Amino acid sequence: MTEADDAQRSSRDRILIAAATMVGENPAERPSVRAVAARAGVSTGSLRHHFPTQRALMDAVLAGIYAHIAPGEPIHDTTLPARERLVACLRQILAHAGTGNEAREALRRTYETFIASEPTEAARRTYLEVEGQMQHRVEHWLSVLVEEGALAEGDNGRRAKFLLTVVNGVTLERALPASESLLESEAATLFAAVDGVLGGCV
């Protein structure tokens, strides 16, 4: 990014980019308002104007990250069957996990941050915020299908938790040696999970 590009960005954009970069550098810590403002080259007053609370800032950062991971929301593409749309949405969650070495590195960071030792309170809060955002996102997808009549009314919170547990398992598998085609195995797992939800088994 050139200085001219940076100058043309709004202060809100610079704040979001700075905060997202800091979250990427250290996902276990919630960046402070003062640190984000300094990184973005804006005053704390300017940051507070756009994001009155640290929670508002983090919500906007996470929303931006998920929009980048999952642009276009395939759940709204009614030219496809509900089953395929929901699997496409789950695949977008998986997209950020990478495969092979990238997946192993992501798993190593997660293990060191949240499992190897007792996580700090800041790390715990950050994890719960991300988890809550993901839960909300999957519940939204399910609510779209309920409104369409493609999914019966039910406990979308429980359904979303089940689907995210499956996604977490697939993410782990991506970091481990595989004896078969990873794509075929993933597809079979995701479709089985979605079929369970759409068929009312979950």
N, C-alpha and C. Protein backbone atom coordinates (compact mmCIF):
# COMPACT_ATOMS: atom_id res chain seq x y z
N MET A 1 0.85 -1.19 0.00
CA MET A 1 0.00 0.00 0.00
C MET A 1 0.89 1.24 0.00
N THR A 2 0.62 2.17 -0.90
CA THR A 2 1.41 3.39 -0.98
C THR A 2 0.87 4.41 0.01
N GLU A 3 1.68 5.48 0.22
CA GLU A 3 1.23 6.54 1.13
C GLU A 3 -0.02 7.21 0.58
N ALA A 4 -0.10 7.34 -0.76
CA ALA A 4 -1.27 7.97 -1.36
C ALA A 4 -2.52 7.13 -1.11
N ASP A 5 -2.37 5.79 -1.23
CA ASP A 5 -3.50 4.90 -0.95
C ASP A 5 -3.95 5.07 0.49
N ASP A 6 -2.96 5.11 1.40
CA ASP A 6 -3.29 5.23 2.82
C ASP A 6 -3.99 6.54 3.12
N ALA A 7 -3.55 7.61 2.45
CA ALA A 7 -4.14 8.93 2.69
C ALA A 7 -5.58 8.97 2.21
N GLN A 8 -5.88 8.19 1.15
CA GLN A 8 -7.23 8.19 0.60
C GLN A 8 -8.20 7.36 1.43
N ARG A 9 -7.70 6.46 2.23
CA ARG A 9 -8.58 5.64 3.06
C ARG A 9 -9.22 6.51 4.14
N SER A 10 -10.46 6.22 4.46
CA SER A 10 -11.12 6.94 5.54
C SER A 10 -10.50 6.52 6.87
N SER A 11 -10.67 7.36 7.87
CA SER A 11 -10.12 7.01 9.18
C SER A 11 -10.77 5.72 9.70
N ARG A 12 -12.06 5.52 9.39
CA ARG A 12 -12.74 4.29 9.82
C ARG A 12 -12.09 3.06 9.19
N ASP A 13 -11.77 3.14 7.89
CA ASP A 13 -11.11 2.02 7.21
C ASP A 13 -9.74 1.76 7.81
N ARG A 14 -8.99 2.84 8.07
CA ARG A 14 -7.65 2.66 8.64
C ARG A 14 -7.73 2.00 10.02
N ILE A 15 -8.73 2.37 10.79
CA ILE A 15 -8.91 1.77 12.12
C ILE A 15 -9.21 0.28 11.99
N LEU A 16 -10.12 -0.07 11.08
CA LEU A 16 -10.48 -1.48 10.91
C LEU A 16 -9.31 -2.30 10.40
N ILE A 17 -8.54 -1.75 9.47
CA ILE A 17 -7.37 -2.46 8.95
C ILE A 17 -6.34 -2.67 10.04
N ALA A 18 -6.10 -1.62 10.83
CA ALA A 18 -5.12 -1.74 11.91
C ALA A 18 -5.56 -2.78 12.94
N ALA A 19 -6.83 -2.73 13.34
CA ALA A 19 -7.33 -3.68 14.34
C ALA A 19 -7.30 -5.10 13.81
N ALA A 20 -7.71 -5.31 12.56
CA ALA A 20 -7.70 -6.66 11.97
C ALA A 20 -6.28 -7.19 11.88
N THR A 21 -5.34 -6.33 11.52
CA THR A 21 -3.93 -6.74 11.44
C THR A 21 -3.42 -7.16 12.81
N MET A 22 -3.77 -6.40 13.83
CA MET A 22 -3.31 -6.71 15.19
C MET A 22 -3.94 -8.01 15.69
N VAL A 23 -5.21 -8.24 15.36
CA VAL A 23 -5.85 -9.50 15.75
C VAL A 23 -5.16 -10.67 15.05
N GLY A 24 -4.81 -10.48 13.77
CA GLY A 24 -4.11 -11.53 13.04
C GLY A 24 -2.73 -11.83 13.61
N GLU A 25 -2.05 -10.79 14.09
CA GLU A 25 -0.71 -10.97 14.65
C GLU A 25 -0.76 -11.68 16.00
N ASN A 26 -1.80 -11.39 16.78
CA ASN A 26 -1.91 -12.02 18.10
C ASN A 26 -3.38 -12.27 18.41
N PRO A 27 -3.94 -13.40 17.93
CA PRO A 27 -5.36 -13.65 18.12
C PRO A 27 -5.78 -13.85 19.57
N ALA A 28 -4.81 -14.04 20.46
CA ALA A 28 -5.15 -14.28 21.86
C ALA A 28 -5.41 -13.00 22.64
N GLU A 29 -5.01 -11.87 22.08
CA GLU A 29 -5.15 -10.62 22.81
C GLU A 29 -6.11 -9.68 22.08
N ARG A 30 -6.95 -9.02 22.85
CA ARG A 30 -7.84 -8.01 22.28
C ARG A 30 -7.06 -6.69 22.25
N PRO A 31 -6.82 -6.11 21.07
CA PRO A 31 -6.02 -4.88 21.02
C PRO A 31 -6.72 -3.73 21.73
N SER A 32 -5.94 -2.93 22.43
CA SER A 32 -6.52 -1.79 23.15
C SER A 32 -6.87 -0.69 22.17
N VAL A 33 -7.80 0.16 22.57
CA VAL A 33 -8.23 1.29 21.75
C VAL A 33 -7.03 2.19 21.44
N ARG A 34 -6.23 2.45 22.45
CA ARG A 34 -5.07 3.34 22.27
C ARG A 34 -4.07 2.75 21.27
N ALA A 35 -3.83 1.42 21.37
CA ALA A 35 -2.87 0.77 20.46
C ALA A 35 -3.40 0.76 19.03
N VAL A 36 -4.69 0.51 18.86
CA VAL A 36 -5.27 0.51 17.51
C VAL A 36 -5.22 1.90 16.91
N ALA A 37 -5.56 2.91 17.70
CA ALA A 37 -5.52 4.29 17.21
C ALA A 37 -4.11 4.67 16.76
N ALA A 38 -3.12 4.30 17.56
CA ALA A 38 -1.73 4.61 17.21
C ALA A 38 -1.33 3.90 15.92
N ARG A 39 -1.71 2.64 15.79
CA ARG A 39 -1.36 1.87 14.59
C ARG A 39 -2.05 2.45 13.35
N ALA A 40 -3.28 2.93 13.53
CA ALA A 40 -4.05 3.48 12.40
C ALA A 40 -3.65 4.92 12.08
N GLY A 41 -2.92 5.56 12.99
CA GLY A 41 -2.53 6.95 12.77
C GLY A 41 -3.67 7.92 12.98
N VAL A 42 -4.57 7.58 13.92
CA VAL A 42 -5.69 8.48 14.22
C VAL A 42 -5.70 8.73 15.73
N SER A 43 -6.46 9.71 16.14
CA SER A 43 -6.57 9.99 17.57
C SER A 43 -7.55 9.00 18.21
N THR A 44 -7.44 8.83 19.51
CA THR A 44 -8.40 7.96 20.20
C THR A 44 -9.81 8.54 20.11
N GLY A 45 -9.90 9.87 20.05
CA GLY A 45 -11.20 10.51 19.89
C GLY A 45 -11.84 10.14 18.56
N SER A 46 -11.03 10.11 17.52
CA SER A 46 -11.54 9.72 16.20
C SER A 46 -12.00 8.27 16.22
N LEU A 47 -11.22 7.42 16.87
CA LEU A 47 -11.61 6.01 16.95
C LEU A 47 -12.93 5.87 17.71
N ARG A 48 -13.06 6.58 18.82
CA ARG A 48 -14.29 6.52 19.63
C ARG A 48 -15.49 7.08 18.87
N HIS A 49 -15.23 8.02 17.96
CA HIS A 49 -16.31 8.56 17.14
C HIS A 49 -16.92 7.45 16.28
N HIS A 50 -16.07 6.63 15.68
CA HIS A 50 -16.54 5.54 14.81
C HIS A 50 -16.98 4.32 15.61
N PHE A 51 -16.26 4.04 16.71
CA PHE A 51 -16.53 2.85 17.52
C PHE A 51 -16.54 3.25 18.99
N PRO A 52 -17.72 3.56 19.53
CA PRO A 52 -17.80 4.09 20.90
C PRO A 52 -17.26 3.14 21.97
N THR A 53 -17.29 1.83 21.71
CA THR A 53 -16.79 0.88 22.69
C THR A 53 -15.82 -0.08 22.01
N GLN A 54 -15.00 -0.73 22.82
CA GLN A 54 -14.07 -1.72 22.29
C GLN A 54 -14.85 -2.89 21.67
N ARG A 55 -15.99 -3.22 22.27
CA ARG A 55 -16.82 -4.30 21.72
C ARG A 55 -17.34 -3.94 20.33
N ALA A 56 -17.75 -2.70 20.12
CA ALA A 56 -18.22 -2.26 18.81
C ALA A 56 -17.10 -2.38 17.78
N LEU A 57 -15.89 -2.04 18.19
CA LEU A 57 -14.75 -2.15 17.29
C LEU A 57 -14.50 -3.61 16.92
N MET A 58 -14.48 -4.49 17.93
CA MET A 58 -14.21 -5.90 17.67
C MET A 58 -15.32 -6.54 16.84
N ASP A 59 -16.56 -6.16 17.07
CA ASP A 59 -17.67 -6.69 16.27
C ASP A 59 -17.48 -6.31 14.80
N ALA A 60 -17.08 -5.06 14.56
CA ALA A 60 -16.88 -4.60 13.18
C ALA A 60 -15.70 -5.31 12.54
N VAL A 61 -14.64 -5.54 13.31
CA VAL A 61 -13.47 -6.25 12.78
C VAL A 61 -13.85 -7.68 12.41
N LEU A 62 -14.54 -8.37 13.31
CA LEU A 62 -14.93 -9.75 13.04
C LEU A 62 -15.89 -9.83 11.85
N ALA A 63 -16.81 -8.90 11.77
CA ALA A 63 -17.74 -8.88 10.64
C ALA A 63 -16.97 -8.70 9.34
N GLY A 64 -15.96 -7.85 9.35
CA GLY A 64 -15.14 -7.64 8.16
C GLY A 64 -14.34 -8.87 7.78
N ILE A 65 -13.80 -9.55 8.79
CA ILE A 65 -13.04 -10.78 8.54
C ILE A 65 -13.94 -11.83 7.91
N TYR A 66 -15.14 -12.00 8.47
CA TYR A 66 -16.05 -13.01 7.94
C TYR A 66 -16.56 -12.63 6.56
N ALA A 67 -16.75 -11.35 6.31
CA ALA A 67 -17.19 -10.91 4.98
C ALA A 67 -16.10 -11.21 3.95
N HIS A 68 -14.83 -11.09 4.38
CA HIS A 68 -13.72 -11.41 3.48
C HIS A 68 -13.63 -12.91 3.24
N ILE A 69 -13.81 -13.69 4.31
CA ILE A 69 -13.77 -15.14 4.20
C ILE A 69 -14.95 -15.65 3.38
N ALA A 70 -16.11 -15.06 3.59
CA ALA A 70 -17.33 -15.57 2.96
C ALA A 70 -18.10 -14.48 2.21
N PRO A 71 -17.51 -13.96 1.11
CA PRO A 71 -18.21 -12.92 0.37
C PRO A 71 -19.42 -13.50 -0.37
N GLY A 72 -20.47 -12.70 -0.46
CA GLY A 72 -21.59 -13.12 -1.29
C GLY A 72 -22.62 -14.01 -0.64
N GLU A 73 -22.33 -14.59 0.51
CA GLU A 73 -23.30 -15.41 1.23
C GLU A 73 -24.10 -16.34 0.31
N PRO A 74 -23.55 -17.50 -0.04
CA PRO A 74 -24.25 -18.41 -0.95
C PRO A 74 -25.61 -18.88 -0.43
N ILE A 75 -25.90 -18.67 0.84
CA ILE A 75 -27.19 -19.10 1.39
C ILE A 75 -28.34 -18.39 0.67
N HIS A 76 -28.08 -17.23 0.06
CA HIS A 76 -29.13 -16.46 -0.63
C HIS A 76 -29.26 -16.82 -2.11
N ASP A 77 -28.41 -17.71 -2.61
CA ASP A 77 -28.46 -18.10 -4.02
C ASP A 77 -29.52 -19.18 -4.22
N THR A 78 -30.75 -18.75 -4.44
CA THR A 78 -31.87 -19.70 -4.50
C THR A 78 -31.90 -20.51 -5.79
N THR A 79 -30.92 -20.30 -6.67
CA THR A 79 -30.84 -21.17 -7.85
C THR A 79 -30.27 -22.54 -7.47
N LEU A 80 -29.69 -22.63 -6.26
CA LEU A 80 -29.14 -23.90 -5.78
C LEU A 80 -30.05 -24.49 -4.71
N PRO A 81 -30.05 -25.82 -4.58
CA PRO A 81 -30.82 -26.45 -3.50
C PRO A 81 -30.28 -26.01 -2.14
N ALA A 82 -31.14 -26.02 -1.12
CA ALA A 82 -30.75 -25.62 0.23
C ALA A 82 -29.55 -26.41 0.73
N ARG A 83 -29.52 -27.69 0.44
CA ARG A 83 -28.43 -28.58 0.88
C ARG A 83 -27.09 -28.07 0.36
N GLU A 84 -27.02 -27.75 -0.93
CA GLU A 84 -25.76 -27.29 -1.52
C GLU A 84 -25.37 -25.91 -1.00
N ARG A 85 -26.35 -25.06 -0.78
CA ARG A 85 -26.06 -23.70 -0.27
C ARG A 85 -25.45 -23.76 1.12
N LEU A 86 -26.04 -24.60 1.98
CA LEU A 86 -25.54 -24.68 3.35
C LEU A 86 -24.14 -25.28 3.38
N VAL A 87 -23.88 -26.28 2.56
CA VAL A 87 -22.53 -26.84 2.48
C VAL A 87 -21.55 -25.79 1.96
N ALA A 88 -21.97 -24.99 0.97
CA ALA A 88 -21.10 -23.94 0.44
C ALA A 88 -20.74 -22.93 1.53
N CYS A 89 -21.71 -22.61 2.38
CA CYS A 89 -21.45 -21.69 3.49
C CYS A 89 -20.43 -22.28 4.46
N LEU A 90 -20.59 -23.55 4.78
CA LEU A 90 -19.65 -24.20 5.70
C LEU A 90 -18.25 -24.26 5.09
N ARG A 91 -18.19 -24.47 3.79
CA ARG A 91 -16.88 -24.50 3.12
C ARG A 91 -16.20 -23.14 3.20
N GLN A 92 -16.99 -22.07 3.21
CA GLN A 92 -16.39 -20.75 3.33
C GLN A 92 -15.77 -20.55 4.71
N ILE A 93 -16.38 -21.13 5.74
CA ILE A 93 -15.75 -21.07 7.06
C ILE A 93 -14.41 -21.79 7.02
N LEU A 94 -14.38 -22.93 6.33
CA LEU A 94 -13.16 -23.73 6.25
C LEU A 94 -12.07 -23.05 5.42
N ALA A 95 -12.47 -22.14 4.53
CA ALA A 95 -11.51 -21.55 3.61
C ALA A 95 -10.33 -20.90 4.32
N HIS A 96 -10.58 -20.29 5.48
CA HIS A 96 -9.49 -19.59 6.18
C HIS A 96 -8.55 -20.55 6.89
N ALA A 97 -8.95 -21.83 7.04
CA ALA A 97 -8.11 -22.79 7.77
C ALA A 97 -6.93 -23.27 6.94
N GLY A 98 -7.04 -23.17 5.61
CA GLY A 98 -5.97 -23.64 4.75
C GLY A 98 -5.87 -25.16 4.77
N THR A 99 -4.83 -25.66 4.17
CA THR A 99 -4.56 -27.10 4.17
C THR A 99 -3.08 -27.32 4.40
N GLY A 100 -2.71 -28.56 4.68
CA GLY A 100 -1.29 -28.91 4.82
C GLY A 100 -0.58 -28.09 5.87
N ASN A 101 0.56 -27.50 5.47
CA ASN A 101 1.38 -26.73 6.41
C ASN A 101 0.63 -25.55 7.00
N GLU A 102 -0.19 -24.89 6.18
CA GLU A 102 -0.97 -23.75 6.66
C GLU A 102 -1.94 -24.19 7.75
N ALA A 103 -2.60 -25.31 7.54
CA ALA A 103 -3.54 -25.83 8.53
C ALA A 103 -2.81 -26.25 9.80
N ARG A 104 -1.64 -26.87 9.63
CA ARG A 104 -0.87 -27.30 10.81
C ARG A 104 -0.40 -26.11 11.63
N GLU A 105 0.02 -25.03 10.95
CA GLU A 105 0.47 -23.84 11.66
C GLU A 105 -0.69 -23.20 12.43
N ALA A 106 -1.87 -23.13 11.80
CA ALA A 106 -3.04 -22.57 12.47
C ALA A 106 -3.41 -23.41 13.69
N LEU A 107 -3.34 -24.73 13.55
CA LEU A 107 -3.66 -25.61 14.67
C LEU A 107 -2.63 -25.46 15.79
N ARG A 108 -1.36 -25.31 15.42
CA ARG A 108 -0.31 -25.13 16.43
C ARG A 108 -0.55 -23.86 17.23
N ARG A 109 -0.90 -22.75 16.54
CA ARG A 109 -1.16 -21.49 17.24
C ARG A 109 -2.36 -21.62 18.17
N THR A 110 -3.39 -22.29 17.69
CA THR A 110 -4.58 -22.48 18.52
C THR A 110 -4.24 -23.30 19.76
N TYR A 111 -3.48 -24.37 19.57
CA TYR A 111 -3.10 -25.23 20.69
C TYR A 111 -2.27 -24.45 21.72
N GLU A 112 -1.28 -23.71 21.24
CA GLU A 112 -0.41 -22.98 22.16
C GLU A 112 -1.16 -21.87 22.90
N THR A 113 -2.12 -21.26 22.23
CA THR A 113 -2.84 -20.14 22.83
C THR A 113 -3.92 -20.58 23.80
N PHE A 114 -4.66 -21.63 23.45
CA PHE A 114 -5.86 -21.97 24.21
C PHE A 114 -5.81 -23.31 24.94
N ILE A 115 -4.86 -24.18 24.62
CA ILE A 115 -4.88 -25.53 25.18
C ILE A 115 -3.64 -25.87 26.00
N ALA A 116 -2.45 -25.55 25.48
CA ALA A 116 -1.21 -25.97 26.12
C ALA A 116 -1.12 -25.48 27.56
N SER A 117 -1.61 -24.29 27.82
CA SER A 117 -1.63 -23.77 29.18
C SER A 117 -2.95 -23.03 29.38
N GLU A 118 -3.26 -22.74 30.61
CA GLU A 118 -4.51 -22.04 30.91
C GLU A 118 -4.52 -20.70 30.18
N PRO A 119 -5.53 -20.45 29.33
CA PRO A 119 -5.55 -19.18 28.58
C PRO A 119 -5.76 -17.99 29.52
N THR A 120 -5.20 -16.86 29.11
CA THR A 120 -5.42 -15.64 29.89
C THR A 120 -6.89 -15.23 29.76
N GLU A 121 -7.31 -14.34 30.63
CA GLU A 121 -8.70 -13.87 30.56
C GLU A 121 -8.95 -13.16 29.23
N ALA A 122 -7.96 -12.41 28.76
CA ALA A 122 -8.11 -11.72 27.47
C ALA A 122 -8.24 -12.72 26.33
N ALA A 123 -7.43 -13.78 26.37
CA ALA A 123 -7.51 -14.81 25.33
C ALA A 123 -8.86 -15.50 25.37
N ARG A 124 -9.34 -15.78 26.57
CA ARG A 124 -10.65 -16.44 26.72
C ARG A 124 -11.77 -15.55 26.15
N ARG A 125 -11.73 -14.26 26.46
CA ARG A 125 -12.75 -13.33 25.96
C ARG A 125 -12.72 -13.26 24.44
N THR A 126 -11.51 -13.17 23.89
CA THR A 126 -11.37 -13.09 22.43
C THR A 126 -11.92 -14.34 21.77
N TYR A 127 -11.59 -15.49 22.31
CA TYR A 127 -12.08 -16.76 21.74
C TYR A 127 -13.60 -16.81 21.80
N LEU A 128 -14.17 -16.44 22.93
CA LEU A 128 -15.62 -16.50 23.07
C LEU A 128 -16.33 -15.52 22.14
N GLU A 129 -15.70 -14.37 21.89
CA GLU A 129 -16.27 -13.41 20.95
C GLU A 129 -16.30 -13.99 19.54
N VAL A 130 -15.17 -14.59 19.12
CA VAL A 130 -15.10 -15.19 17.79
C VAL A 130 -16.09 -16.34 17.68
N GLU A 131 -16.14 -17.18 18.69
CA GLU A 131 -17.05 -18.32 18.69
C GLU A 131 -18.51 -17.83 18.61
N GLY A 132 -18.82 -16.78 19.37
CA GLY A 132 -20.18 -16.24 19.35
C GLY A 132 -20.56 -15.68 17.99
N GLN A 133 -19.62 -15.00 17.35
CA GLN A 133 -19.87 -14.46 16.01
C GLN A 133 -20.12 -15.59 15.01
N MET A 134 -19.32 -16.65 15.09
CA MET A 134 -19.51 -17.78 14.18
C MET A 134 -20.85 -18.46 14.43
N GLN A 135 -21.20 -18.64 15.68
CA GLN A 135 -22.49 -19.24 16.03
C GLN A 135 -23.63 -18.41 15.45
N HIS A 136 -23.53 -17.11 15.62
CA HIS A 136 -24.57 -16.20 15.12
C HIS A 136 -24.67 -16.30 13.59
N ARG A 137 -23.53 -16.39 12.93
CA ARG A 137 -23.51 -16.46 11.46
C ARG A 137 -24.21 -17.72 10.96
N VAL A 138 -23.90 -18.86 11.58
CA VAL A 138 -24.52 -20.12 11.15
C VAL A 138 -26.02 -20.11 11.48
N GLU A 139 -26.38 -19.56 12.63
CA GLU A 139 -27.80 -19.46 12.97
C GLU A 139 -28.54 -18.61 11.93
N HIS A 140 -27.89 -17.57 11.45
CA HIS A 140 -28.51 -16.73 10.40
C HIS A 140 -28.78 -17.56 9.15
N TRP A 141 -27.79 -18.34 8.72
CA TRP A 141 -27.98 -19.18 7.54
C TRP A 141 -29.17 -20.12 7.73
N LEU A 142 -29.24 -20.72 8.90
CA LEU A 142 -30.33 -21.64 9.18
C LEU A 142 -31.68 -20.92 9.20
N SER A 143 -31.71 -19.72 9.74
CA SER A 143 -32.97 -18.96 9.80
C SER A 143 -33.46 -18.62 8.39
N VAL A 144 -32.52 -18.37 7.46
CA VAL A 144 -32.90 -18.11 6.07
C VAL A 144 -33.61 -19.33 5.50
N LEU A 145 -33.08 -20.52 5.78
CA LEU A 145 -33.68 -21.75 5.27
C LEU A 145 -35.04 -22.02 5.93
N VAL A 146 -35.17 -21.66 7.21
CA VAL A 146 -36.46 -21.82 7.89
C VAL A 146 -37.50 -20.91 7.24
N GLU A 147 -37.13 -19.67 6.97
CA GLU A 147 -38.05 -18.71 6.34
C GLU A 147 -38.50 -19.19 4.97
N GLU A 148 -37.60 -19.86 4.25
CA GLU A 148 -37.93 -20.38 2.92
C GLU A 148 -38.80 -21.64 2.99
N GLY A 149 -38.83 -22.27 4.15
CA GLY A 149 -39.55 -23.53 4.27
C GLY A 149 -38.70 -24.74 3.93
N ALA A 150 -37.37 -24.51 3.72
CA ALA A 150 -36.46 -25.62 3.40
C ALA A 150 -36.00 -26.35 4.66
N LEU A 151 -36.24 -25.74 5.81
CA LEU A 151 -35.85 -26.32 7.10
C LEU A 151 -36.98 -26.09 8.09
N ALA A 152 -37.33 -27.15 8.81
CA ALA A 152 -38.42 -27.03 9.79
C ALA A 152 -38.00 -26.13 10.94
N GLU A 153 -38.99 -25.49 11.55
CA GLU A 153 -38.72 -24.71 12.76
C GLU A 153 -38.06 -25.61 13.79
N GLY A 154 -37.14 -25.05 14.55
CA GLY A 154 -36.44 -25.84 15.56
C GLY A 154 -35.39 -25.01 16.26
N ASP A 155 -34.55 -25.67 17.02
CA ASP A 155 -33.52 -25.01 17.80
C ASP A 155 -32.30 -24.75 16.92
N ASN A 156 -32.27 -23.57 16.29
CA ASN A 156 -31.15 -23.26 15.40
C ASN A 156 -29.84 -23.09 16.15
N GLY A 157 -29.91 -22.74 17.42
CA GLY A 157 -28.69 -22.66 18.22
C GLY A 157 -28.03 -24.02 18.34
N ARG A 158 -28.82 -25.05 18.61
CA ARG A 158 -28.29 -26.41 18.74
C ARG A 158 -27.78 -26.91 17.39
N ARG A 159 -28.54 -26.62 16.33
CA ARG A 159 -28.13 -27.03 14.99
C ARG A 159 -26.80 -26.37 14.60
N ALA A 160 -26.69 -25.07 14.88
CA ALA A 160 -25.47 -24.35 14.54
C ALA A 160 -24.28 -24.91 15.30
N LYS A 161 -24.48 -25.22 16.57
CA LYS A 161 -23.40 -25.78 17.38
C LYS A 161 -22.93 -27.11 16.79
N PHE A 162 -23.88 -27.94 16.37
CA PHE A 162 -23.53 -29.22 15.74
C PHE A 162 -22.71 -29.01 14.48
N LEU A 163 -23.17 -28.11 13.60
CA LEU A 163 -22.46 -27.88 12.34
C LEU A 163 -21.06 -27.31 12.59
N LEU A 164 -20.92 -26.42 13.56
CA LEU A 164 -19.61 -25.86 13.86
C LEU A 164 -18.68 -26.91 14.47
N THR A 165 -19.23 -27.85 15.23
CA THR A 165 -18.42 -28.94 15.77
C THR A 165 -17.88 -29.81 14.63
N VAL A 166 -18.73 -30.07 13.63
CA VAL A 166 -18.29 -30.82 12.46
C VAL A 166 -17.19 -30.05 11.72
N VAL A 167 -17.39 -28.74 11.53
CA VAL A 167 -16.38 -27.92 10.85
C VAL A 167 -15.06 -27.95 11.62
N ASN A 168 -15.12 -27.89 12.95
CA ASN A 168 -13.90 -27.95 13.75
C ASN A 168 -13.18 -29.28 13.54
N GLY A 169 -13.95 -30.36 13.45
CA GLY A 169 -13.35 -31.67 13.20
C GLY A 169 -12.68 -31.74 11.83
N VAL A 170 -13.33 -31.18 10.83
CA VAL A 170 -12.75 -31.16 9.48
C VAL A 170 -11.49 -30.30 9.47
N THR A 171 -11.51 -29.19 10.20
CA THR A 171 -10.33 -28.33 10.30
C THR A 171 -9.15 -29.10 10.89
N LEU A 172 -9.41 -29.88 11.92
CA LEU A 172 -8.37 -30.71 12.53
C LEU A 172 -7.84 -31.73 11.52
N GLU A 173 -8.75 -32.38 10.78
CA GLU A 173 -8.33 -33.36 9.79
C GLU A 173 -7.42 -32.76 8.73
N ARG A 174 -7.65 -31.49 8.39
CA ARG A 174 -6.83 -30.84 7.38
C ARG A 174 -5.36 -30.76 7.80
N ALA A 175 -5.11 -30.74 9.09
CA ALA A 175 -3.74 -30.62 9.59
C ALA A 175 -3.07 -31.97 9.76
N LEU A 176 -3.83 -33.06 9.62
CA LEU A 176 -3.30 -34.40 9.85
C LEU A 176 -3.09 -35.13 8.52
N PRO A 177 -2.18 -36.14 8.51
CA PRO A 177 -1.99 -36.92 7.28
C PRO A 177 -3.29 -37.62 6.90
N ALA A 178 -3.57 -37.71 5.61
CA ALA A 178 -4.81 -38.33 5.14
C ALA A 178 -4.48 -39.47 4.18
N SER A 179 -5.29 -40.54 4.27
CA SER A 179 -5.07 -41.70 3.39
C SER A 179 -5.96 -41.65 2.16
N GLU A 180 -6.84 -40.67 2.10
CA GLU A 180 -7.74 -40.54 0.96
C GLU A 180 -7.82 -39.08 0.54
N SER A 181 -8.53 -38.82 -0.53
CA SER A 181 -8.68 -37.45 -1.02
C SER A 181 -9.33 -36.59 0.04
N LEU A 182 -8.66 -35.53 0.42
CA LEU A 182 -9.18 -34.63 1.45
C LEU A 182 -10.50 -34.00 0.99
N LEU A 183 -10.55 -33.60 -0.26
CA LEU A 183 -11.77 -32.95 -0.76
C LEU A 183 -12.96 -33.90 -0.75
N GLU A 184 -12.73 -35.14 -1.17
CA GLU A 184 -13.83 -36.11 -1.17
C GLU A 184 -14.30 -36.39 0.25
N SER A 185 -13.36 -36.56 1.15
CA SER A 185 -13.70 -36.85 2.54
C SER A 185 -14.45 -35.69 3.17
N GLU A 186 -13.97 -34.46 2.93
CA GLU A 186 -14.63 -33.28 3.48
C GLU A 186 -16.05 -33.15 2.94
N ALA A 187 -16.19 -33.33 1.63
CA ALA A 187 -17.51 -33.19 1.01
C ALA A 187 -18.48 -34.18 1.63
N ALA A 188 -18.05 -35.43 1.79
CA ALA A 188 -18.93 -36.45 2.34
C ALA A 188 -19.33 -36.09 3.77
N THR A 189 -18.37 -35.61 4.56
CA THR A 189 -18.65 -35.24 5.95
C THR A 189 -19.62 -34.06 6.04
N LEU A 190 -19.36 -33.02 5.25
CA LEU A 190 -20.21 -31.83 5.30
C LEU A 190 -21.63 -32.13 4.81
N PHE A 191 -21.74 -32.90 3.74
CA PHE A 191 -23.08 -33.23 3.24
C PHE A 191 -23.83 -34.11 4.24
N ALA A 192 -23.13 -35.02 4.91
CA ALA A 192 -23.78 -35.86 5.91
C ALA A 192 -24.30 -35.01 7.07
N ALA A 193 -23.50 -34.04 7.50
CA ALA A 193 -23.91 -33.16 8.59
C ALA A 193 -25.11 -32.31 8.19
N VAL A 194 -25.06 -31.73 7.00
CA VAL A 194 -26.16 -30.90 6.51
C VAL A 194 -27.42 -31.73 6.32
N ASP A 195 -27.26 -32.95 5.79
CA ASP A 195 -28.43 -33.82 5.62
C ASP A 195 -29.09 -34.14 6.96
N GLY A 196 -28.25 -34.30 7.99
CA GLY A 196 -28.78 -34.56 9.32
C GLY A 196 -29.61 -33.39 9.84
N VAL A 197 -29.14 -32.17 9.57
CA VAL A 197 -29.87 -30.98 10.00
C VAL A 197 -31.14 -30.80 9.19
N LEU A 198 -31.03 -30.88 7.87
CA LEU A 198 -32.20 -30.66 7.02
C LEU A 198 -33.23 -31.77 7.18
N GLY A 199 -32.75 -32.97 7.52
CA GLY A 199 -33.67 -34.09 7.68
C GLY A 199 -34.29 -34.17 9.07
N GLY A 200 -33.94 -33.22 9.94
CA GLY A 200 -34.54 -33.18 11.26
C GLY A 200 -33.91 -34.11 12.28
N CYS A 201 -32.75 -34.70 11.93
CA CYS A 201 -32.09 -35.60 12.88
C CYS A 201 -31.33 -34.84 13.95
N VAL A 202 -31.06 -33.57 13.71
CA VAL A 202 -30.31 -32.75 14.67
C VAL A 202 -31.18 -31.59 15.10
